[in-house]
Amino acid sequence: MRGVLLLLAVAVAAVSGADKKKLQIGIKKRVDHCPIKSRKGDVLNMHYTGRLEDGTEFDSSIPRDRPFTFTLGTGQVIKGWDQGLLGMCEGEKRKLVIPSELGYGDRVTTRIEQTVMIWGCCSYSGRGSATL
């Protein structure tokens, strides 16, 4: 019986660990009509706030009062953004929970890069532009 319980505990821990390694995309605001979705090659201008799992903010475009601009799906940003912002509808808002493997990967040197990142981002405002 103890062996079964131990095996069950290990299995639950493995599943929990696997969940933390997956990109989580939360839709904070859905839209009814979606004729155009973001796709690879679109230039996005977005405001964002990055937080650690414990809520500590580590980066934000808001205080700079200037959106961050990049081309989606071309490796200009972390993989979690390139994957998590694909297929957004105009007016939609998302929250991304990005594991370190899809964040800074092998460049892990700080607490920020070693943990899951939660990005408050972004509402897609049309082809070629996204803002929060």
N, C-alpha and C. Protein backbone atom coordinates (compact mmCIF):
# COMPACT_ATOMS: atom_id res chain seq x y z
N MET A 1 0.82 -1.19 0.00
CA MET A 1 0.00 0.00 0.00
C MET A 1 0.86 1.26 0.00
N ARG A 2 1.95 1.25 0.83
CA ARG A 2 2.84 2.41 0.86
C ARG A 2 3.47 2.66 -0.50
N GLY A 3 3.82 1.57 -1.18
CA GLY A 3 4.43 1.69 -2.51
C GLY A 3 3.49 2.35 -3.50
N VAL A 4 2.21 1.99 -3.43
CA VAL A 4 1.20 2.58 -4.31
C VAL A 4 1.05 4.07 -4.01
N LEU A 5 0.99 4.43 -2.73
CA LEU A 5 0.85 5.84 -2.35
C LEU A 5 2.07 6.65 -2.79
N LEU A 6 3.26 6.08 -2.63
CA LEU A 6 4.47 6.77 -3.05
C LEU A 6 4.47 6.97 -4.55
N LEU A 7 4.10 5.94 -5.29
CA LEU A 7 4.03 6.03 -6.74
C LEU A 7 3.02 7.08 -7.17
N LEU A 8 1.87 7.12 -6.50
CA LEU A 8 0.84 8.11 -6.80
C LEU A 8 1.35 9.53 -6.52
N ALA A 9 2.05 9.71 -5.42
CA ALA A 9 2.61 11.03 -5.08
C ALA A 9 3.62 11.48 -6.12
N VAL A 10 4.47 10.57 -6.58
CA VAL A 10 5.46 10.90 -7.61
C VAL A 10 4.76 11.27 -8.91
N ALA A 11 3.71 10.54 -9.27
CA ALA A 11 2.97 10.82 -10.50
C ALA A 11 2.31 12.20 -10.44
N VAL A 12 1.72 12.54 -9.31
CA VAL A 12 1.08 13.85 -9.15
C VAL A 12 2.13 14.95 -9.25
N ALA A 13 3.27 14.77 -8.62
CA ALA A 13 4.34 15.77 -8.68
C ALA A 13 4.84 15.94 -10.11
N ALA A 14 4.95 14.85 -10.85
CA ALA A 14 5.41 14.92 -12.24
C ALA A 14 4.43 15.69 -13.10
N VAL A 15 3.14 15.44 -12.91
CA VAL A 15 2.11 16.16 -13.66
C VAL A 15 2.14 17.64 -13.32
N SER A 16 2.26 17.97 -12.04
CA SER A 16 2.32 19.37 -11.62
C SER A 16 3.53 20.06 -12.23
N GLY A 17 4.67 19.40 -12.25
CA GLY A 17 5.88 19.97 -12.84
C GLY A 17 5.73 20.18 -14.33
N ALA A 18 5.05 19.25 -15.00
CA ALA A 18 4.85 19.37 -16.44
C ALA A 18 3.98 20.57 -16.77
N ASP A 19 2.96 20.85 -15.93
CA ASP A 19 2.09 22.00 -16.16
C ASP A 19 2.87 23.30 -16.12
N LYS A 20 3.87 23.40 -15.25
CA LYS A 20 4.66 24.63 -15.14
C LYS A 20 5.55 24.84 -16.35
N LYS A 21 5.77 23.80 -17.14
CA LYS A 21 6.64 23.92 -18.31
C LYS A 21 5.85 24.26 -19.57
N LYS A 22 4.56 24.38 -19.47
CA LYS A 22 3.72 24.68 -20.62
C LYS A 22 3.34 26.16 -20.62
N LEU A 23 3.31 26.73 -21.79
CA LEU A 23 2.82 28.09 -21.96
C LEU A 23 1.32 28.10 -21.67
N GLN A 24 0.89 29.02 -20.82
CA GLN A 24 -0.53 29.16 -20.53
C GLN A 24 -1.01 30.48 -21.10
N ILE A 25 -2.06 30.42 -21.90
CA ILE A 25 -2.62 31.61 -22.53
C ILE A 25 -4.02 31.82 -21.97
N GLY A 26 -4.18 32.90 -21.25
CA GLY A 26 -5.49 33.23 -20.70
C GLY A 26 -6.12 34.35 -21.49
N ILE A 27 -7.37 34.18 -21.83
CA ILE A 27 -8.11 35.22 -22.53
C ILE A 27 -8.82 36.07 -21.48
N LYS A 28 -8.39 37.31 -21.32
CA LYS A 28 -8.99 38.20 -20.33
C LYS A 28 -10.21 38.92 -20.89
N LYS A 29 -10.25 39.09 -22.21
CA LYS A 29 -11.40 39.72 -22.86
C LYS A 29 -11.55 39.11 -24.24
N ARG A 30 -12.70 38.50 -24.47
CA ARG A 30 -12.99 37.91 -25.78
C ARG A 30 -13.74 38.92 -26.64
N VAL A 31 -13.71 38.69 -27.94
CA VAL A 31 -14.47 39.53 -28.86
C VAL A 31 -15.45 38.65 -29.63
N ASP A 32 -16.57 39.23 -30.02
CA ASP A 32 -17.59 38.47 -30.75
C ASP A 32 -17.24 38.27 -32.22
N HIS A 33 -16.69 39.30 -32.83
CA HIS A 33 -16.39 39.25 -34.26
C HIS A 33 -14.88 39.30 -34.44
N CYS A 34 -14.32 38.34 -35.16
CA CYS A 34 -12.86 38.26 -35.29
C CYS A 34 -12.46 38.01 -36.75
N PRO A 35 -12.52 39.05 -37.59
CA PRO A 35 -12.17 38.85 -39.00
C PRO A 35 -10.66 38.74 -39.25
N ILE A 36 -9.85 39.32 -38.37
CA ILE A 36 -8.40 39.31 -38.56
C ILE A 36 -7.72 38.88 -37.26
N LYS A 37 -6.80 37.93 -37.35
CA LYS A 37 -6.03 37.48 -36.18
C LYS A 37 -4.56 37.78 -36.41
N SER A 38 -3.84 38.01 -35.32
CA SER A 38 -2.41 38.26 -35.43
C SER A 38 -1.72 37.02 -35.97
N ARG A 39 -0.68 37.24 -36.77
CA ARG A 39 0.04 36.11 -37.35
C ARG A 39 1.53 36.46 -37.48
N LYS A 40 2.30 35.44 -37.74
CA LYS A 40 3.74 35.61 -37.90
C LYS A 40 4.01 36.69 -38.94
N GLY A 41 4.92 37.60 -38.60
CA GLY A 41 5.27 38.69 -39.50
C GLY A 41 4.56 39.99 -39.20
N ASP A 42 3.50 39.96 -38.39
CA ASP A 42 2.82 41.21 -38.00
C ASP A 42 3.72 42.00 -37.06
N VAL A 43 3.72 43.31 -37.22
CA VAL A 43 4.44 44.18 -36.30
C VAL A 43 3.48 44.55 -35.18
N LEU A 44 3.86 44.23 -33.95
CA LEU A 44 3.02 44.54 -32.79
C LEU A 44 3.65 45.65 -31.97
N ASN A 45 2.82 46.59 -31.56
CA ASN A 45 3.21 47.63 -30.62
C ASN A 45 2.38 47.37 -29.38
N MET A 46 3.03 47.03 -28.26
CA MET A 46 2.24 46.67 -27.09
C MET A 46 2.85 47.19 -25.81
N HIS A 47 1.95 47.51 -24.91
CA HIS A 47 2.35 47.80 -23.53
C HIS A 47 2.24 46.49 -22.77
N TYR A 48 3.11 46.29 -21.80
CA TYR A 48 3.12 45.03 -21.06
C TYR A 48 3.63 45.27 -19.65
N THR A 49 3.34 44.32 -18.79
CA THR A 49 3.92 44.27 -17.46
C THR A 49 4.30 42.82 -17.18
N GLY A 50 5.55 42.60 -16.80
CA GLY A 50 6.03 41.26 -16.48
C GLY A 50 6.12 41.09 -14.97
N ARG A 51 5.60 39.97 -14.48
CA ARG A 51 5.63 39.67 -13.05
C ARG A 51 6.13 38.25 -12.84
N LEU A 52 6.75 38.03 -11.68
CA LEU A 52 7.12 36.68 -11.27
C LEU A 52 5.90 36.01 -10.66
N GLU A 53 6.01 34.71 -10.38
CA GLU A 53 4.90 33.98 -9.77
C GLU A 53 4.43 34.62 -8.47
N ASP A 54 5.35 35.21 -7.71
CA ASP A 54 4.98 35.80 -6.43
C ASP A 54 4.40 37.21 -6.56
N GLY A 55 4.23 37.69 -7.80
CA GLY A 55 3.64 39.00 -8.03
C GLY A 55 4.64 40.13 -8.17
N THR A 56 5.92 39.85 -7.97
CA THR A 56 6.95 40.88 -8.09
C THR A 56 7.06 41.34 -9.54
N GLU A 57 6.89 42.64 -9.76
CA GLU A 57 7.02 43.19 -11.11
C GLU A 57 8.50 43.32 -11.46
N PHE A 58 8.89 42.82 -12.65
CA PHE A 58 10.29 42.93 -13.05
C PHE A 58 10.49 43.75 -14.31
N ASP A 59 9.44 44.04 -15.04
CA ASP A 59 9.58 44.88 -16.23
C ASP A 59 8.20 45.39 -16.63
N SER A 60 8.18 46.58 -17.20
CA SER A 60 6.92 47.14 -17.68
C SER A 60 7.22 48.26 -18.67
N SER A 61 6.41 48.35 -19.70
CA SER A 61 6.54 49.45 -20.65
C SER A 61 5.72 50.66 -20.19
N ILE A 62 4.84 50.47 -19.23
CA ILE A 62 3.93 51.54 -18.79
C ILE A 62 4.68 52.78 -18.29
N PRO A 63 5.66 52.65 -17.37
CA PRO A 63 6.36 53.86 -16.89
C PRO A 63 7.12 54.59 -17.99
N ARG A 64 7.52 53.87 -19.02
CA ARG A 64 8.25 54.51 -20.13
C ARG A 64 7.30 55.26 -21.05
N ASP A 65 6.00 54.99 -20.89
CA ASP A 65 4.96 55.64 -21.70
C ASP A 65 5.22 55.49 -23.20
N ARG A 66 5.76 54.33 -23.54
CA ARG A 66 6.06 54.05 -24.94
C ARG A 66 5.90 52.56 -25.17
N PRO A 67 5.06 52.15 -26.12
CA PRO A 67 4.88 50.71 -26.35
C PRO A 67 6.14 50.07 -26.91
N PHE A 68 6.26 48.78 -26.67
CA PHE A 68 7.36 47.98 -27.20
C PHE A 68 6.95 47.49 -28.57
N THR A 69 7.81 47.63 -29.57
CA THR A 69 7.49 47.24 -30.94
C THR A 69 8.38 46.08 -31.37
N PHE A 70 7.76 45.06 -31.97
CA PHE A 70 8.52 43.90 -32.47
C PHE A 70 7.72 43.20 -33.55
N THR A 71 8.39 42.35 -34.32
CA THR A 71 7.73 41.57 -35.36
C THR A 71 7.45 40.18 -34.80
N LEU A 72 6.19 39.79 -34.82
CA LEU A 72 5.73 38.54 -34.22
C LEU A 72 6.26 37.32 -34.98
N GLY A 73 6.74 36.33 -34.22
CA GLY A 73 7.13 35.05 -34.80
C GLY A 73 8.49 35.02 -35.47
N THR A 74 9.32 36.01 -35.21
CA THR A 74 10.63 36.06 -35.88
C THR A 74 11.80 35.95 -34.91
N GLY A 75 11.54 35.66 -33.64
CA GLY A 75 12.62 35.50 -32.67
C GLY A 75 13.15 36.80 -32.09
N GLN A 76 12.47 37.90 -32.32
CA GLN A 76 12.90 39.18 -31.74
C GLN A 76 12.58 39.26 -30.25
N VAL A 77 11.68 38.41 -29.80
CA VAL A 77 11.27 38.38 -28.39
C VAL A 77 11.37 36.95 -27.88
N ILE A 78 11.10 36.74 -26.60
CA ILE A 78 11.15 35.38 -26.05
C ILE A 78 10.11 34.49 -26.74
N LYS A 79 10.37 33.20 -26.76
CA LYS A 79 9.49 32.24 -27.43
C LYS A 79 8.07 32.29 -26.90
N GLY A 80 7.93 32.52 -25.60
CA GLY A 80 6.59 32.59 -25.01
C GLY A 80 5.73 33.68 -25.61
N TRP A 81 6.35 34.80 -25.95
CA TRP A 81 5.60 35.88 -26.62
C TRP A 81 5.31 35.49 -28.07
N ASP A 82 6.32 35.00 -28.78
CA ASP A 82 6.11 34.61 -30.18
C ASP A 82 4.99 33.59 -30.31
N GLN A 83 4.89 32.67 -29.37
CA GLN A 83 3.83 31.65 -29.42
C GLN A 83 2.52 32.16 -28.83
N GLY A 84 2.60 32.87 -27.72
CA GLY A 84 1.40 33.26 -26.98
C GLY A 84 0.59 34.39 -27.57
N LEU A 85 1.17 35.14 -28.51
CA LEU A 85 0.45 36.26 -29.11
C LEU A 85 -0.07 35.94 -30.51
N LEU A 86 0.20 34.73 -31.00
CA LEU A 86 -0.34 34.32 -32.30
C LEU A 86 -1.85 34.12 -32.21
N GLY A 87 -2.55 34.47 -33.25
CA GLY A 87 -3.98 34.20 -33.32
C GLY A 87 -4.86 35.10 -32.48
N MET A 88 -4.35 36.25 -32.07
CA MET A 88 -5.17 37.18 -31.29
C MET A 88 -6.14 37.91 -32.19
N CYS A 89 -7.31 38.14 -31.67
CA CYS A 89 -8.32 38.91 -32.38
C CYS A 89 -8.22 40.38 -32.00
N GLU A 90 -8.63 41.24 -32.90
CA GLU A 90 -8.67 42.66 -32.59
C GLU A 90 -9.58 42.90 -31.39
N GLY A 91 -9.08 43.62 -30.39
CA GLY A 91 -9.85 43.90 -29.18
C GLY A 91 -9.72 42.86 -28.08
N GLU A 92 -9.13 41.72 -28.38
CA GLU A 92 -8.94 40.66 -27.39
C GLU A 92 -7.82 41.03 -26.42
N LYS A 93 -7.94 40.59 -25.17
CA LYS A 93 -6.89 40.80 -24.18
C LYS A 93 -6.44 39.45 -23.65
N ARG A 94 -5.13 39.29 -23.48
CA ARG A 94 -4.55 38.03 -23.02
C ARG A 94 -3.64 38.22 -21.82
N LYS A 95 -3.50 37.13 -21.08
CA LYS A 95 -2.51 37.03 -20.01
C LYS A 95 -1.70 35.78 -20.30
N LEU A 96 -0.38 35.93 -20.36
CA LEU A 96 0.50 34.80 -20.65
C LEU A 96 1.23 34.38 -19.39
N VAL A 97 1.27 33.08 -19.13
CA VAL A 97 2.10 32.53 -18.07
C VAL A 97 3.17 31.71 -18.79
N ILE A 98 4.41 32.19 -18.70
CA ILE A 98 5.49 31.66 -19.53
C ILE A 98 6.53 30.94 -18.67
N PRO A 99 6.75 29.64 -18.92
CA PRO A 99 7.80 28.94 -18.17
C PRO A 99 9.18 29.42 -18.62
N SER A 100 10.17 29.23 -17.77
CA SER A 100 11.52 29.73 -18.09
C SER A 100 12.06 29.17 -19.40
N GLU A 101 11.68 27.96 -19.77
CA GLU A 101 12.16 27.36 -21.01
C GLU A 101 11.71 28.16 -22.23
N LEU A 102 10.57 28.84 -22.13
CA LEU A 102 10.07 29.67 -23.23
C LEU A 102 10.36 31.14 -22.98
N GLY A 103 11.11 31.39 -21.90
CA GLY A 103 11.49 32.76 -21.58
C GLY A 103 12.92 33.00 -22.02
N TYR A 104 13.83 32.91 -21.06
CA TYR A 104 15.23 33.22 -21.36
C TYR A 104 16.09 31.98 -21.54
N GLY A 105 15.51 30.80 -21.42
CA GLY A 105 16.17 29.53 -21.73
C GLY A 105 17.54 29.34 -21.12
N ASP A 106 18.54 29.10 -21.95
CA ASP A 106 19.90 28.80 -21.49
C ASP A 106 20.60 30.00 -20.86
N ARG A 107 20.04 31.18 -21.02
CA ARG A 107 20.66 32.38 -20.46
C ARG A 107 20.25 32.61 -19.02
N VAL A 108 19.82 31.56 -18.34
CA VAL A 108 19.34 31.67 -16.96
C VAL A 108 20.47 32.09 -16.04
N THR A 109 20.35 33.29 -15.47
CA THR A 109 21.37 33.78 -14.54
C THR A 109 20.77 34.48 -13.33
N THR A 110 19.51 34.83 -13.38
CA THR A 110 18.91 35.56 -12.27
C THR A 110 17.61 34.90 -11.84
N ARG A 111 17.09 35.36 -10.72
CA ARG A 111 15.80 34.86 -10.21
C ARG A 111 14.70 35.07 -11.24
N ILE A 112 14.74 36.18 -11.95
CA ILE A 112 13.72 36.47 -12.96
C ILE A 112 13.71 35.38 -14.02
N GLU A 113 14.89 35.01 -14.48
CA GLU A 113 14.98 34.08 -15.59
C GLU A 113 14.79 32.63 -15.18
N GLN A 114 14.83 32.33 -13.89
CA GLN A 114 14.73 30.96 -13.42
C GLN A 114 13.31 30.57 -13.03
N THR A 115 12.37 31.46 -13.14
CA THR A 115 11.03 31.17 -12.67
C THR A 115 10.00 31.42 -13.77
N VAL A 116 8.79 31.04 -13.50
CA VAL A 116 7.70 31.28 -14.42
C VAL A 116 7.42 32.78 -14.44
N MET A 117 7.21 33.31 -15.63
CA MET A 117 6.90 34.73 -15.78
C MET A 117 5.44 34.89 -16.15
N ILE A 118 4.82 35.88 -15.59
CA ILE A 118 3.43 36.18 -15.92
C ILE A 118 3.41 37.55 -16.59
N TRP A 119 3.00 37.57 -17.82
CA TRP A 119 2.98 38.82 -18.57
C TRP A 119 1.55 39.30 -18.70
N GLY A 120 1.30 40.51 -18.24
CA GLY A 120 0.00 41.12 -18.48
C GLY A 120 0.08 41.74 -19.85
N CYS A 121 -0.45 41.11 -20.83
CA CYS A 121 -0.40 41.69 -22.16
C CYS A 121 -1.60 41.24 -22.93
N CYS A 122 -1.94 41.55 -23.87
CA CYS A 122 -2.02 42.75 -24.63
C CYS A 122 -3.34 42.69 -25.35
N SER A 123 -3.85 43.78 -25.77
CA SER A 123 -5.07 43.76 -26.55
C SER A 123 -4.71 44.13 -27.97
N TYR A 124 -5.12 43.30 -28.88
CA TYR A 124 -4.77 43.47 -30.29
C TYR A 124 -5.68 44.52 -30.89
N SER A 125 -5.08 45.58 -31.42
CA SER A 125 -5.90 46.69 -31.91
C SER A 125 -5.95 46.76 -33.43
N GLY A 126 -5.59 45.70 -34.09
CA GLY A 126 -5.69 45.66 -35.54
C GLY A 126 -4.40 45.22 -36.19
N ARG A 127 -4.46 44.86 -37.45
CA ARG A 127 -3.29 44.38 -38.19
C ARG A 127 -2.17 45.39 -38.09
N GLY A 128 -1.02 44.90 -37.62
CA GLY A 128 0.15 45.75 -37.52
C GLY A 128 0.29 46.50 -36.22
N SER A 129 -0.66 46.36 -35.28
CA SER A 129 -0.57 47.12 -34.04
C SER A 129 -1.31 46.42 -32.93
N ALA A 130 -0.69 46.31 -31.77
CA ALA A 130 -1.35 45.77 -30.58
C ALA A 130 -0.95 46.60 -29.39
N THR A 131 -1.90 46.97 -28.55
CA THR A 131 -1.61 47.75 -27.35
C THR A 131 -2.41 47.22 -26.19
N LEU A 132 -1.96 47.52 -24.99
CA LEU A 132 -2.67 47.11 -23.78
C LEU A 132 -3.61 48.20 -23.36
